[in-house]
Amino acid sequence: MNIAPSRVLSDGVSIPTIGFGTYPLSGSEAESAVRGALGSGYRLIDTAASYGNEEAVGRALAASGVPRADVTLMTKVRGRDQGFERTLAAFAESTARLGVDYVDVYLIHWPLPRLDVYVDSWRAMIELRAQGRIRSIGVSNFTARHLDRLREETGVLPSVNQIELHPNFPQREQREADAARDIATLGWSPLGRGSGLTADPLVVELARTHGVTPAQVILRWHLQLAAIPIVKSATPARRRANLDIFGFALAEEEVAALTSLERGRIGGDPETYEEF
């Protein structure tokens, strides 16, 4: 079993350097996948209220035999639950569905600028952290402008920012903005969901060179950019392989070549995307 090394966030909380994502799994499929992931050695599990699978994730965690203290559990507040009081209620609902009394990392899923209440949600999360209900607070899909507004209005920056990240969308400016604010970048859709990235000739050639899978090459690229990939697979063999990325390294020029595959985002634009 491979157990990923941990990384210490700006708030002193340690989290694994690779996580298991659960979107768009649901029901028994989600439960089976999470149990399998925990059994394979994943210790960072990512879900969200909007995924509709928190109950399944909670059942898998309870049945896994892995001590709760050994698992970093991350979930997110959805758009329709933003605002101070609603975020407090939404967090209580998430913990009830998950069957836990605290969450390790809690994120605002999208900034939703048109709604313009993400700062109120952030204040609620600061309060929940002070109560010991959340160990670490962060955001997802936030730009530098959104991050700076949180700091200006509350004095508190997120510890993590989960963004779309893969060689077709390397997000250099956002990664630099996160690093400048001592925010860890987490990558969703790290394999470029639906893009054919794992079949790209460069990725295939690097996999052959290093004796690994194309997915392992891409996930290793994330690590060498100091990003934490959140990867999903319902296949046991792929789950194990995706976790086995700590025994090789890409050369600097190989990392640069992968980064040059930039084509653009496959998900929503944080300035306009609306998730409720």
Protein backbone atom coordinates (compact mmCIF):
# COMPACT_ATOMS: atom_id res chain seq x y z
CA MET A 1 0.00 0.00 0.00
CA ASN A 2 1.27 3.45 -0.95
CA ILE A 3 0.64 6.29 1.51
CA ALA A 4 1.36 9.73 0.09
CA PRO A 5 3.62 12.08 2.05
CA SER A 6 1.94 15.05 3.68
CA ARG A 7 2.33 18.77 3.23
CA VAL A 8 1.91 21.41 5.92
CA LEU A 9 -0.46 24.23 4.99
CA SER A 10 -0.10 27.87 6.01
CA ASP A 11 -2.42 27.28 8.99
CA GLY A 12 -0.28 24.40 10.30
CA VAL A 13 -2.64 21.63 9.17
CA SER A 14 -1.03 18.72 7.29
CA ILE A 15 -2.75 17.18 4.28
CA PRO A 16 -1.67 14.46 1.83
CA THR A 17 -0.02 15.50 -1.42
CA ILE A 18 -2.56 13.63 -3.57
CA GLY A 19 -6.27 13.17 -3.03
CA PHE A 20 -9.13 11.00 -4.25
CA GLY A 21 -11.99 12.83 -5.96
CA THR A 22 -15.57 11.59 -5.94
CA TYR A 23 -17.29 13.61 -8.69
CA PRO A 24 -19.52 12.42 -10.41
CA LEU A 25 -19.83 9.17 -8.42
CA SER A 26 -22.98 8.54 -6.44
CA GLY A 27 -24.70 5.89 -4.32
CA SER A 28 -23.14 2.44 -4.10
CA GLU A 29 -20.60 3.32 -6.81
CA ALA A 30 -19.29 6.22 -4.74
CA GLU A 31 -19.26 4.14 -1.57
CA SER A 32 -17.36 1.31 -3.23
CA ALA A 33 -14.85 3.65 -4.86
CA VAL A 34 -14.08 5.52 -1.63
CA ARG A 35 -13.70 2.30 0.34
CA GLY A 36 -11.38 1.04 -2.37
CA ALA A 37 -9.41 4.28 -2.37
CA LEU A 38 -8.95 4.19 1.39
CA GLY A 39 -7.91 0.56 1.14
CA SER A 40 -5.35 1.48 -1.51
CA GLY A 41 -3.79 4.13 0.71
CA TYR A 42 -5.53 7.40 -0.19
CA ARG A 43 -5.93 9.57 2.88
CA LEU A 44 -7.39 12.74 1.33
CA ILE A 45 -11.00 12.31 0.21
CA ASP A 46 -12.71 15.14 -1.67
CA THR A 47 -16.48 15.56 -1.94
CA ALA A 48 -19.00 18.42 -2.06
CA ALA A 49 -22.60 19.10 -1.17
CA SER A 50 -23.37 19.62 -4.84
CA TYR A 51 -22.03 16.17 -5.76
CA GLY A 52 -24.90 14.52 -3.90
CA ASN A 53 -22.66 11.78 -2.53
CA GLU A 54 -21.73 12.92 0.99
CA GLU A 55 -23.81 10.15 2.58
CA ALA A 56 -22.09 7.51 0.46
CA VAL A 57 -18.67 8.96 1.30
CA GLY A 58 -19.58 8.91 5.00
CA ARG A 59 -20.67 5.28 4.83
CA ALA A 60 -17.44 4.32 3.10
CA LEU A 61 -15.36 6.13 5.68
CA ALA A 62 -17.20 4.46 8.55
CA ALA A 63 -16.85 0.99 7.00
CA SER A 64 -13.25 1.35 5.86
CA GLY A 65 -11.55 0.49 9.14
CA VAL A 66 -9.25 3.49 8.67
CA PRO A 67 -9.21 5.68 11.81
CA ARG A 68 -11.04 8.97 11.29
CA ALA A 69 -7.99 10.89 12.49
CA ASP A 70 -5.94 9.40 9.64
CA VAL A 71 -8.26 10.71 6.91
CA THR A 72 -8.35 14.26 5.59
CA LEU A 73 -12.00 14.78 4.66
CA MET A 74 -12.78 17.72 2.40
CA THR A 75 -16.19 19.01 1.32
CA LYS A 76 -17.65 22.24 -0.05
CA VAL A 77 -20.52 24.66 0.43
CA ARG A 78 -22.61 25.01 -2.74
CA GLY A 79 -23.86 28.20 -4.32
CA ARG A 80 -27.41 28.17 -3.02
CA ASP A 81 -26.08 27.76 0.51
CA GLN A 82 -23.82 30.80 0.47
CA GLY A 83 -24.29 33.59 3.01
CA PHE A 84 -23.42 33.68 6.71
CA GLU A 85 -26.37 31.91 8.33
CA ARG A 86 -26.99 29.60 5.40
CA THR A 87 -23.36 28.45 5.38
CA LEU A 88 -23.57 27.60 9.07
CA ALA A 89 -26.68 25.52 8.38
CA ALA A 90 -25.19 23.94 5.25
CA PHE A 91 -22.10 22.87 7.17
CA ALA A 92 -24.25 21.17 9.79
CA GLU A 93 -26.15 19.40 7.02
CA SER A 94 -22.93 18.22 5.39
CA THR A 95 -21.49 16.83 8.61
CA ALA A 96 -24.78 15.03 9.29
CA ARG A 97 -24.73 13.44 5.84
CA LEU A 98 -21.07 12.50 6.25
CA GLY A 99 -21.67 11.13 9.75
CA VAL A 100 -18.81 13.13 11.27
CA ASP A 101 -18.54 15.82 13.90
CA TYR A 102 -15.80 17.80 12.14
CA VAL A 103 -14.44 18.32 8.63
CA ASP A 104 -10.74 18.64 7.93
CA VAL A 105 -11.01 21.05 5.01
CA TYR A 106 -14.13 23.06 4.08
CA LEU A 107 -14.26 25.06 0.86
CA ILE A 108 -16.46 27.62 -0.85
CA HIS A 109 -17.14 25.77 -4.09
CA TRP A 110 -17.38 28.78 -6.49
CA PRO A 111 -17.17 32.54 -5.85
CA LEU A 112 -20.40 33.35 -7.75
CA PRO A 113 -19.60 37.08 -8.19
CA ARG A 114 -23.15 37.92 -9.29
CA LEU A 115 -24.52 36.60 -5.99
CA ASP A 116 -21.70 38.42 -4.14
CA VAL A 117 -22.02 36.78 -0.72
CA TYR A 118 -18.86 34.68 -0.65
CA VAL A 119 -17.31 36.99 1.95
CA ASP A 120 -20.28 36.30 4.25
CA SER A 121 -19.76 32.57 3.77
CA TRP A 122 -16.08 33.05 4.55
CA ARG A 123 -16.93 34.78 7.84
CA ALA A 124 -19.11 31.80 8.78
CA MET A 125 -16.28 29.41 7.99
CA ILE A 126 -13.86 31.43 10.12
CA GLU A 127 -16.32 31.08 13.00
CA LEU A 128 -16.71 27.34 12.47
CA ARG A 129 -12.94 26.92 12.48
CA ALA A 130 -12.73 28.85 15.75
CA GLN A 131 -15.29 26.42 17.18
CA GLY A 132 -13.13 23.45 16.17
CA ARG A 133 -15.69 22.17 13.66
CA ILE A 134 -13.31 22.71 10.72
CA ARG A 135 -9.55 22.24 10.83
CA SER A 136 -8.70 24.21 7.70
CA ILE A 137 -10.73 26.60 5.54
CA GLY A 138 -10.26 27.23 1.85
CA VAL A 139 -11.86 28.00 -1.47
CA SER A 140 -12.32 26.51 -4.90
CA ASN A 141 -12.17 28.27 -8.27
CA PHE A 142 -11.18 31.64 -6.78
CA THR A 143 -9.08 34.17 -8.69
CA ALA A 144 -6.49 36.51 -7.18
CA ARG A 145 -9.13 39.23 -7.02
CA HIS A 146 -11.47 37.05 -4.98
CA LEU A 147 -8.65 35.96 -2.67
CA ASP A 148 -7.57 39.53 -2.00
CA ARG A 149 -11.11 40.60 -1.19
CA LEU A 150 -11.30 37.89 1.49
CA ARG A 151 -8.10 39.22 3.04
CA GLU A 152 -9.18 42.84 2.80
CA GLU A 153 -12.58 42.28 4.41
CA THR A 154 -11.76 39.59 7.00
CA GLY A 155 -7.99 39.59 7.45
CA VAL A 156 -7.95 35.84 6.75
CA LEU A 157 -6.68 34.14 3.59
CA PRO A 158 -7.61 30.58 2.57
CA SER A 159 -5.13 27.80 3.17
CA VAL A 160 -6.01 26.09 -0.13
CA ASN A 161 -7.51 27.00 -3.50
CA GLN A 162 -8.81 24.08 -5.57
CA ILE A 163 -8.77 25.00 -9.27
CA GLU A 164 -8.98 23.31 -12.65
CA LEU A 165 -5.41 22.24 -13.39
CA HIS A 166 -3.84 19.97 -16.01
CA PRO A 167 -1.23 20.35 -18.79
CA ASN A 168 -3.88 21.68 -21.18
CA PHE A 169 -4.70 24.39 -18.61
CA PRO A 170 -1.59 24.91 -16.46
CA GLN A 171 -2.85 28.09 -14.76
CA ARG A 172 0.58 29.64 -14.30
CA GLU A 173 -0.73 33.03 -13.16
CA GLN A 174 -3.18 31.58 -10.66
CA ARG A 175 -0.63 29.16 -9.26
CA GLU A 176 1.79 32.05 -8.80
CA ALA A 177 -0.94 34.13 -7.17
CA ASP A 178 -1.71 31.30 -4.76
CA ALA A 179 1.96 30.78 -3.91
CA ALA A 180 2.51 34.50 -3.32
CA ARG A 181 -0.26 34.37 -0.70
CA ASP A 182 1.02 31.10 0.86
CA ILE A 183 -2.05 29.25 -0.42
CA ALA A 184 -1.68 25.64 -1.53
CA THR A 185 -3.04 24.93 -5.02
CA LEU A 186 -5.17 21.81 -5.38
CA GLY A 187 -5.98 20.59 -8.89
CA TRP A 188 -9.38 19.31 -9.97
CA SER A 189 -9.74 17.37 -13.23
CA PRO A 190 -5.96 16.76 -13.12
CA LEU A 191 -6.08 14.37 -16.09
CA GLY A 192 -8.07 16.82 -18.23
CA ARG A 193 -11.41 15.01 -18.14
CA GLY A 194 -12.64 14.17 -21.65
CA SER A 195 -9.74 15.95 -23.36
CA GLY A 196 -7.77 12.92 -24.51
CA LEU A 197 -4.75 14.23 -22.61
CA THR A 198 -3.54 10.79 -21.55
CA ALA A 199 -3.30 9.84 -25.24
CA ASP A 200 -1.27 12.91 -26.19
CA PRO A 201 1.94 11.74 -27.98
CA LEU A 202 4.19 13.67 -25.58
CA VAL A 203 2.49 12.18 -22.53
CA VAL A 204 2.66 8.68 -24.03
CA GLU A 205 6.34 9.09 -24.87
CA LEU A 206 7.22 10.33 -21.37
CA ALA A 207 5.31 7.40 -19.88
CA ARG A 208 7.36 5.02 -22.02
CA THR A 209 10.59 6.76 -21.03
CA HIS A 210 9.89 6.48 -17.30
CA GLY A 211 8.17 3.09 -17.37
CA VAL A 212 4.92 4.44 -15.92
CA THR A 213 1.39 5.12 -17.15
CA PRO A 214 0.38 8.35 -18.93
CA ALA A 215 -1.79 9.25 -15.94
CA GLN A 216 1.19 8.84 -13.61
CA VAL A 217 3.21 11.25 -15.78
CA ILE A 218 0.49 13.90 -15.55
CA LEU A 219 0.00 13.47 -11.81
CA ARG A 220 3.76 13.67 -11.25
CA TRP A 221 3.72 16.94 -13.25
CA HIS A 222 1.27 18.32 -10.67
CA LEU A 223 3.56 17.36 -7.79
CA GLN A 224 6.53 19.04 -9.40
CA LEU A 225 4.49 22.22 -9.79
CA ALA A 226 3.86 22.03 -6.01
CA ALA A 227 0.17 21.31 -6.67
CA ILE A 228 -1.98 18.64 -5.00
CA PRO A 229 -3.94 16.66 -7.62
CA ILE A 230 -7.42 15.38 -6.78
CA VAL A 231 -7.83 12.37 -9.04
CA LYS A 232 -10.82 10.08 -9.52
CA SER A 233 -11.04 6.53 -10.80
CA ALA A 234 -13.61 3.80 -10.27
CA THR A 235 -11.09 1.15 -11.34
CA PRO A 236 -9.01 -0.43 -8.53
CA ALA A 237 -5.87 -0.92 -10.64
CA ARG A 238 -5.94 2.69 -11.83
CA ARG A 239 -6.54 3.97 -8.30
CA ARG A 240 -3.43 2.14 -7.11
CA ALA A 241 -1.34 3.31 -10.07
CA ASN A 242 -2.44 6.92 -9.66
CA LEU A 243 -1.20 6.86 -6.08
CA ASP A 244 2.17 5.40 -7.09
CA ILE A 245 3.83 8.62 -8.30
CA PHE A 246 6.55 9.12 -5.71
CA GLY A 247 9.17 6.74 -7.09
CA PHE A 248 10.20 8.73 -10.17
CA ALA A 249 10.72 12.33 -11.21
CA LEU A 250 10.34 14.30 -14.40
CA ALA A 251 13.26 16.35 -15.68
CA GLU A 252 12.82 20.12 -15.67
CA GLU A 253 12.56 20.18 -19.45
CA GLU A 254 9.90 17.44 -19.34
CA VAL A 255 7.81 19.48 -16.93
CA ALA A 256 8.18 22.49 -19.24
CA ALA A 257 7.20 20.44 -22.28
CA LEU A 258 4.03 19.23 -20.57
CA THR A 259 3.18 22.76 -19.52
CA SER A 260 3.48 23.85 -23.15
CA LEU A 261 0.47 21.66 -24.05
CA GLU A 262 -1.82 24.50 -22.94
CA ARG A 263 -5.12 24.72 -24.84
CA GLY A 264 -7.56 26.24 -22.38
CA ARG A 265 -10.04 25.36 -19.67
CA ILE A 266 -12.64 22.60 -19.92
CA GLY A 267 -14.69 23.80 -16.94
CA GLY A 268 -16.40 27.02 -15.93
CA ASP A 269 -14.88 30.50 -15.71
CA PRO A 270 -14.87 31.66 -12.05
CA GLU A 271 -15.88 35.15 -13.13
CA THR A 272 -19.12 33.97 -14.73
CA TYR A 273 -19.85 30.36 -13.75
CA GLU A 274 -22.91 29.86 -11.58
CA GLU A 275 -23.34 26.72 -9.46
CA PHE A 276 -26.37 26.54 -7.20
